[in-house]
Protein backbone atom coordinates (compact mmCIF):
# COMPACT_ATOMS: atom_id res chain seq x y z
CA MET A 1 116.77 -1.68 56.49
CA ALA A 2 118.09 -5.20 55.94
CA VAL A 3 120.72 -3.81 53.59
CA ARG A 4 121.68 -1.13 56.11
CA TRP A 5 122.39 -3.66 58.87
CA HIS A 6 123.84 -6.46 56.73
CA PRO A 7 127.12 -7.66 58.35
CA ASP A 8 129.01 -7.05 55.08
CA LYS A 9 128.43 -3.31 55.51
CA HIS A 10 130.02 -3.35 58.96
CA ALA A 11 132.96 -5.65 58.27
CA SER A 12 135.49 -2.83 58.77
CA LYS A 13 133.94 -1.61 62.06
CA ASN A 14 135.11 -2.44 65.57
CA GLU A 15 133.90 -5.57 67.36
CA ALA A 16 131.13 -3.81 69.29
CA GLU A 17 129.66 -2.25 66.14
CA LYS A 18 129.94 -5.53 64.22
CA LYS A 19 128.14 -7.37 67.03
CA LYS A 20 125.38 -4.75 67.12
CA ALA A 21 124.95 -5.07 63.34
CA GLU A 22 124.72 -8.87 63.56
CA GLU A 23 122.13 -8.71 66.36
CA THR A 24 120.04 -6.09 64.56
CA PHE A 25 120.20 -8.05 61.31
CA LYS A 26 118.94 -11.15 63.14
CA GLU A 27 116.11 -9.14 64.73
CA ILE A 28 115.05 -7.93 61.27
CA ALA A 29 115.03 -11.52 59.98
CA GLU A 30 112.97 -12.62 62.99
CA ALA A 31 110.46 -9.79 62.53
CA TYR A 32 110.07 -10.67 58.84
CA ASP A 33 109.56 -14.34 59.75
CA ILE A 34 106.75 -13.45 62.16
CA LEU A 35 104.99 -10.77 60.13
CA SER A 36 105.03 -12.79 56.91
CA ASP A 37 103.28 -15.74 58.58
CA LYS A 38 99.53 -15.24 59.08
CA GLU A 39 99.30 -17.57 62.08
CA LYS A 40 102.24 -16.09 63.94
CA ARG A 41 101.03 -12.60 63.08
CA ALA A 42 97.59 -13.33 64.53
CA VAL A 43 99.07 -14.39 67.88
CA TYR A 44 101.54 -11.50 67.87
CA ASP A 45 98.80 -8.92 67.20
CA LEU A 46 96.74 -10.16 70.16
CA TYR A 47 99.39 -11.04 72.73
CA GLY A 48 102.57 -9.33 71.60
CA GLU A 49 106.09 -10.71 71.55
CA GLU A 50 105.86 -12.11 75.08
CA GLY A 51 102.73 -14.10 74.28
CA LEU A 52 104.18 -15.43 71.04
CA LYS A 53 107.49 -16.53 72.52
CA GLY A 54 105.98 -17.68 75.83
CA GLY A 55 103.78 -20.34 74.31
CA GLY A 56 100.53 -18.46 73.88
CA PRO A 57 98.21 -16.36 76.05
CA PRO A 58 97.83 -16.88 79.81
CA PRO A 59 94.82 -18.97 80.92
CA ARG A 60 91.69 -16.83 81.06
CA GLU A 61 88.27 -16.58 79.49
CA GLU A 62 88.73 -16.09 75.78
CA LYS A 63 86.81 -13.87 73.48
CA GLU A 64 85.91 -15.16 70.07
CA ASP A 65 88.76 -13.41 68.22
CA GLU A 66 91.27 -14.48 70.86
CA ARG A 67 90.05 -18.08 70.65
CA ALA A 68 90.66 -17.96 66.90
CA ALA A 69 94.20 -16.75 67.48
CA GLY A 70 94.71 -19.48 70.05
CA GLU A 71 93.59 -22.03 67.49
CA HIS A 72 96.09 -20.57 65.05
CA TYR A 73 98.76 -20.87 67.68
CA GLN A 74 98.04 -24.55 68.20
CA HIS A 75 99.29 -25.14 64.68
CA PHE A 76 102.83 -24.41 65.90
CA GLN A 77 102.81 -27.21 68.48
CA PRO A 78 102.87 -31.01 68.01
CA GLY A 79 99.38 -32.53 68.35
CA GLY A 80 97.66 -29.13 68.17
CA LYS A 81 98.22 -28.35 71.87
CA ARG A 82 99.43 -25.11 73.27
CA ALA A 83 102.95 -25.23 74.53
CA PRO A 84 103.70 -24.41 78.14
CA THR A 85 105.31 -21.10 79.00
CA GLY A 86 108.79 -20.86 77.54
CA ALA A 87 108.15 -23.38 74.76
CA GLY A 88 106.69 -20.97 72.21
CA TYR A 89 108.09 -19.41 69.07
CA ALA A 90 111.85 -19.10 68.70
CA TYR A 91 113.56 -17.93 65.52
CA ALA A 92 115.80 -20.70 64.22
CA GLY A 93 116.44 -19.51 60.69
CA ASP A 94 119.61 -18.23 59.06
CA PRO A 95 119.47 -14.41 58.65
CA SER A 96 121.75 -14.62 55.62
CA GLU A 97 119.40 -17.05 53.91
CA PHE A 98 116.46 -14.76 54.73
CA PHE A 99 118.29 -11.84 53.11
CA ALA A 100 119.24 -13.85 50.04
CA SER A 101 115.73 -15.19 49.47
CA PHE A 102 114.24 -11.75 50.11
CA THR A 103 116.50 -9.99 47.60
CA LYS A 104 116.00 -12.71 44.98
CA ALA A 105 112.23 -12.43 45.35
CA SER A 106 112.54 -8.68 45.16
CA ASN A 107 114.49 -9.03 41.93
CA GLN A 108 111.42 -10.61 40.32
CA ARG A 109 109.37 -7.46 40.86
CA GLN A 110 109.48 -4.33 38.75
CA ARG A 111 111.55 -1.91 40.81
CA SER A 112 111.11 1.27 38.80
CA TYR A 113 108.27 3.29 37.44
CA GLY A 114 109.94 3.27 34.09
CA GLU A 115 108.07 0.54 32.21
CA THR A 116 104.96 2.69 31.76
CA PRO A 117 105.24 6.42 31.10
CA PHE A 118 103.28 7.84 34.03
CA GLU A 119 102.98 5.03 36.57
CA GLY A 120 102.84 6.12 40.21
CA SER A 121 103.96 9.38 41.79
CA GLY A 122 107.49 8.38 42.74
CA GLY A 123 110.37 10.75 42.38
CA LEU A 124 108.60 13.88 43.61
CA GLU A 125 111.20 14.32 46.31
CA GLU A 126 113.78 14.45 43.56
CA MET A 127 112.29 17.57 42.02
CA LEU A 128 114.76 20.32 41.22
CA PHE A 129 115.28 22.74 44.10
CA GLY A 130 113.47 20.54 46.61
CA GLY A 131 110.61 18.07 46.74
CA GLY A 132 106.91 17.80 47.38
CA ASP A 133 103.95 19.79 46.15
CA ASN A 134 105.53 23.13 47.11
CA ALA A 135 108.66 22.58 45.08
CA TYR A 136 110.01 25.45 43.03
CA PHE A 137 111.41 25.28 39.53
CA GLY A 138 112.93 28.27 37.80
CA GLY A 139 111.54 30.60 40.48
CA SER A 140 107.84 29.79 39.90
CA LYS A 141 105.75 27.80 42.35
CA ARG A 142 104.30 24.53 41.08
CA HIS A 143 100.53 24.10 41.49
CA ARG A 144 99.73 20.58 40.37
CA ARG A 145 96.08 20.77 41.40
CA SER A 146 95.36 24.23 40.03
CA HIS A 147 93.14 24.91 37.01
CA VAL A 148 96.19 25.24 34.74
CA PRO A 149 96.28 22.15 32.50
CA GLU A 150 99.36 19.97 32.17
CA ARG A 151 100.89 18.22 29.21
CA CYS A 152 102.97 15.22 30.30
CA CYS A 153 105.87 14.03 28.18
CA SER A 154 107.63 10.72 28.80
CA VAL A 155 111.43 10.92 28.66
CA PRO A 156 113.25 7.55 28.34
CA CYS A 157 116.50 7.54 30.33
CA THR A 158 119.18 4.90 30.54
CA LEU A 159 120.60 3.86 33.89
CA GLU A 160 123.85 5.48 32.75
CA ASP A 161 121.98 8.81 32.31
CA MET A 162 120.64 8.60 35.87
CA PHE A 163 124.00 7.52 37.26
CA ARG A 164 126.22 10.11 35.56
CA GLY A 165 123.71 12.89 34.95
CA ARG A 166 123.23 14.66 31.63
CA THR A 167 121.32 17.45 29.93
CA ARG A 168 118.71 16.54 27.33
CA THR A 169 117.62 18.98 24.63
CA MET A 170 113.84 18.88 24.19
CA LYS A 171 111.91 20.57 21.37
CA ILE A 172 108.39 21.72 22.23
CA THR A 173 105.74 22.39 19.58
CA ARG A 174 102.84 24.42 20.91
CA LYS A 175 99.72 26.36 19.88
CA SER A 176 99.54 30.06 20.63
CA LEU A 177 96.73 32.60 20.48
CA ASN A 178 99.28 35.37 20.69
CA PRO A 179 100.98 35.78 17.29
CA ASN A 180 104.13 37.08 19.01
CA ARG A 181 104.59 33.83 20.96
CA PRO A 182 106.78 31.29 19.13
CA THR A 183 105.11 27.98 18.23
CA GLU A 184 108.35 26.09 18.91
CA LYS A 185 110.79 26.24 21.80
CA ILE A 186 113.98 24.41 22.76
CA ILE A 187 114.25 23.45 26.44
CA GLU A 188 117.34 22.19 28.23
CA LEU A 189 116.26 19.36 30.55
CA PRO A 190 118.78 18.70 33.35
CA ILE A 191 118.89 15.10 34.62
CA ARG A 192 120.84 15.03 37.85
CA PRO A 193 122.87 12.02 39.02
CA GLY A 194 120.60 9.83 41.12
CA PHE A 195 117.26 10.96 39.67
CA LYS A 196 114.70 8.13 39.74
CA ALA A 197 112.16 6.93 37.23
CA GLY A 198 108.91 8.79 37.88
CA THR A 199 110.68 12.08 38.63
CA ARG A 200 108.63 15.00 37.25
CA ILE A 201 110.30 18.16 35.98
CA THR A 202 107.85 20.99 35.33
CA TYR A 203 108.13 24.02 33.05
CA SER A 204 105.26 26.37 33.82
CA GLY A 205 103.42 28.05 30.97
CA GLU A 206 105.49 26.54 28.18
CA GLY A 207 102.73 24.47 26.51
CA ASP A 208 99.68 25.31 24.42
CA GLU A 209 97.92 28.59 25.09
CA VAL A 210 94.42 27.33 25.93
CA GLU A 211 92.95 30.76 26.77
CA PRO A 212 94.35 34.23 26.31
CA GLY A 213 97.19 34.47 28.82
CA ILE A 214 96.72 30.90 30.16
CA CYS A 215 99.19 28.31 28.90
CA GLU A 216 99.71 24.64 29.72
CA ASN A 217 102.48 23.49 32.02
CA ILE A 218 104.89 21.07 30.38
CA VAL A 219 105.75 18.15 32.69
CA PHE A 220 108.62 15.85 31.73
CA VAL A 221 108.34 12.43 33.45
CA LEU A 222 111.52 10.35 33.52
CA ARG A 223 111.13 6.71 32.46
CA GLU A 224 113.90 4.22 33.17
CA VAL A 225 114.96 2.00 30.28
CA LYS A 226 115.61 -1.62 31.25
CA HIS A 227 119.32 -2.25 31.74
CA ASP A 228 121.19 -5.31 30.51
CA ARG A 229 123.30 -5.79 33.67
CA PHE A 230 121.82 -3.99 36.66
CA VAL A 231 118.41 -3.73 38.29
CA ARG A 232 117.76 -0.62 40.35
CA GLU A 233 115.86 -0.59 43.64
CA GLY A 234 115.81 2.86 45.21
CA ASP A 235 119.43 3.92 45.55
CA ASP A 236 120.74 0.34 45.41
CA LEU A 237 121.78 -1.70 42.39
CA HIS A 238 121.29 -5.46 42.06
CA TYR A 239 123.63 -7.59 39.97
CA GLU A 240 123.43 -11.31 39.26
CA VAL A 241 126.44 -13.55 38.58
CA LYS A 242 125.91 -16.84 36.78
CA VAL A 243 128.54 -19.37 37.80
CA SER A 244 129.18 -23.00 36.93
CA LEU A 245 128.91 -25.65 39.63
CA ALA A 246 132.64 -26.31 39.42
CA ASP A 247 133.51 -22.61 39.91
CA ALA A 248 130.91 -22.28 42.66
CA LEU A 249 132.76 -25.00 44.60
CA CYS A 250 136.36 -24.19 43.68
CA GLY A 251 136.29 -20.39 43.54
CA PHE A 252 136.36 -17.91 40.68
CA THR A 253 137.00 -14.32 39.62
CA HIS A 254 134.30 -12.15 38.07
CA ASP A 255 134.61 -8.61 36.68
CA ILE A 256 131.66 -6.20 36.93
CA LEU A 257 131.61 -3.32 34.44
CA MET A 258 130.32 -0.35 36.43
CA LEU A 259 128.24 2.59 35.17
CA ASP A 260 130.91 5.31 35.40
CA GLU A 261 131.57 7.42 32.30
CA LYS A 262 135.22 6.39 32.44
CA GLU A 263 135.39 2.60 32.26
CA ARG A 264 135.74 1.08 35.72
CA ILE A 265 135.84 -2.59 36.67
CA LYS A 266 134.91 -4.01 40.07
CA ARG A 267 136.53 -7.41 40.50
CA LEU A 268 135.04 -10.14 42.69
CA LYS A 269 137.39 -12.83 43.97
CA LYS A 270 135.55 -15.74 45.56
CA LYS A 271 137.68 -18.34 47.31
CA VAL A 272 134.97 -20.05 49.34
CA PRO A 273 132.00 -21.89 47.79
CA VAL A 274 128.89 -19.91 46.83
CA SER A 275 125.29 -21.04 46.45
CA ASN A 276 122.03 -19.64 45.13
CA LEU A 277 121.49 -18.14 48.60
CA THR A 278 124.84 -16.33 48.71
CA THR A 279 124.80 -12.54 48.54
CA GLN A 280 127.56 -9.98 48.77
CA ILE A 281 127.08 -6.28 49.46
CA LEU A 282 129.54 -3.74 48.07
CA PRO A 283 128.88 -0.55 50.09
CA GLY A 284 128.84 2.72 48.17
CA GLU A 285 128.83 1.09 44.73
CA GLY A 286 125.18 1.77 43.93
CA MET A 287 123.37 4.80 42.50
CA PRO A 288 124.20 8.37 43.53
CA ILE A 289 121.85 9.78 46.15
CA SER A 290 120.52 12.87 44.41
CA LYS A 291 119.86 14.88 47.58
CA SER A 292 123.26 14.12 49.09
CA THR A 293 125.70 17.01 49.30
CA THR A 294 128.68 14.72 50.00
CA GLY A 295 128.48 12.40 46.99
CA GLU A 296 126.95 9.46 48.85
CA LYS A 297 125.81 6.41 46.92
CA GLY A 298 123.66 3.37 47.58
CA ASP A 299 125.02 -0.18 47.61
CA LEU A 300 125.65 -2.85 45.01
CA ILE A 301 124.03 -6.15 46.01
CA VAL A 302 125.49 -9.16 44.21
CA SER A 303 123.67 -12.49 44.12
CA PHE A 304 124.80 -15.74 42.52
CA VAL A 305 123.02 -18.25 40.30
CA VAL A 306 124.75 -21.62 40.26
CA GLU A 307 124.23 -23.53 37.02
CA PHE A 308 123.74 -27.23 37.71
CA PRO A 309 124.13 -29.91 35.01
CA ASP A 310 120.94 -30.76 33.12
CA ALA A 311 121.94 -34.32 32.24
CA GLU A 312 122.58 -37.20 34.61
CA LEU A 313 126.21 -37.55 35.61
CA THR A 314 128.18 -40.58 34.49
CA GLU A 315 129.26 -43.16 37.05
CA TYR A 316 132.83 -42.00 36.50
CA GLN A 317 131.88 -38.43 37.42
CA LYS A 318 129.86 -39.57 40.43
CA ASP A 319 132.75 -41.67 41.73
CA HIS A 320 135.17 -38.76 41.47
CA ILE A 321 132.76 -36.37 43.21
CA ARG A 322 132.20 -38.86 46.04
CA ALA A 323 135.95 -39.37 46.33
CA ALA A 324 136.51 -35.62 46.53
CA PHE A 325 133.84 -35.20 49.21
CA PRO A 326 133.93 -38.13 51.62
CA LYS A 327 131.10 -38.26 54.13
CA GLY A 328 131.72 -35.94 57.03
CA ASP A 329 134.14 -33.67 55.11
CA ILE A 330 131.49 -31.16 54.03
């Protein structure tokens, strides 16, 4: 949601739409600030937004749980006293800094199912010909919880495979009680643009014949291979630019090699200073949305890592930096 309402995504809109996006983005930052803080959350859960922003609950006999929340609320005010009405919580943060810190923290988490073969149940909605437990594949209904056994096969896929789409040729070796049933079979496995790690593609009755006339279902589970440039989160891509302190202050140009089959470069031109909290959203430059019929894509979210010197600066360097940035000029 934060990505959806980020001001960068609405830069080309009219003034009214840009203002709405800015206000909504700020509201998201405020909600995150409240819900991620246990003390603020406790007051909000008991007294709502009005009680939180109005300085606490109105005077009345308190129950034990309400008294606990009131004690939490006192932590917001100097000297542990409740503020009078109108002197309660007010969001004073920078929504852009919230977004930057949130996305950087998110980058530290594993965003795909791909690092273990069968982790989670994600990707079911990406099943061929629909999603969910009643999905169809090749005209036969899929019964995941039926008595028919399954054989799961992990299929490593690069981010390029999931971006461009491709067909994998899979060779199945199977046991058969029927001598007329081949013990080997070649299956064409279609990987559509936008498929996610964890997506399951089922071929009914193509595995071992466990009883006369009853054969295993073969389930291919897509596993995302770690990429050297991008990190995927849903339909969005995250990209990190390392930049020297001098370039961060003076501006720089950086080329991003995209995932298209035909080489394509996305060039960033930064003229204003960037910091470790700076982010830039490039709408429509993320992963294809597999269920879209109009070729929609997610976004590319670029963050910056400024490399500071490890050693102490010389007095000569310090003097020049101070001369370049007199007090009051920054």
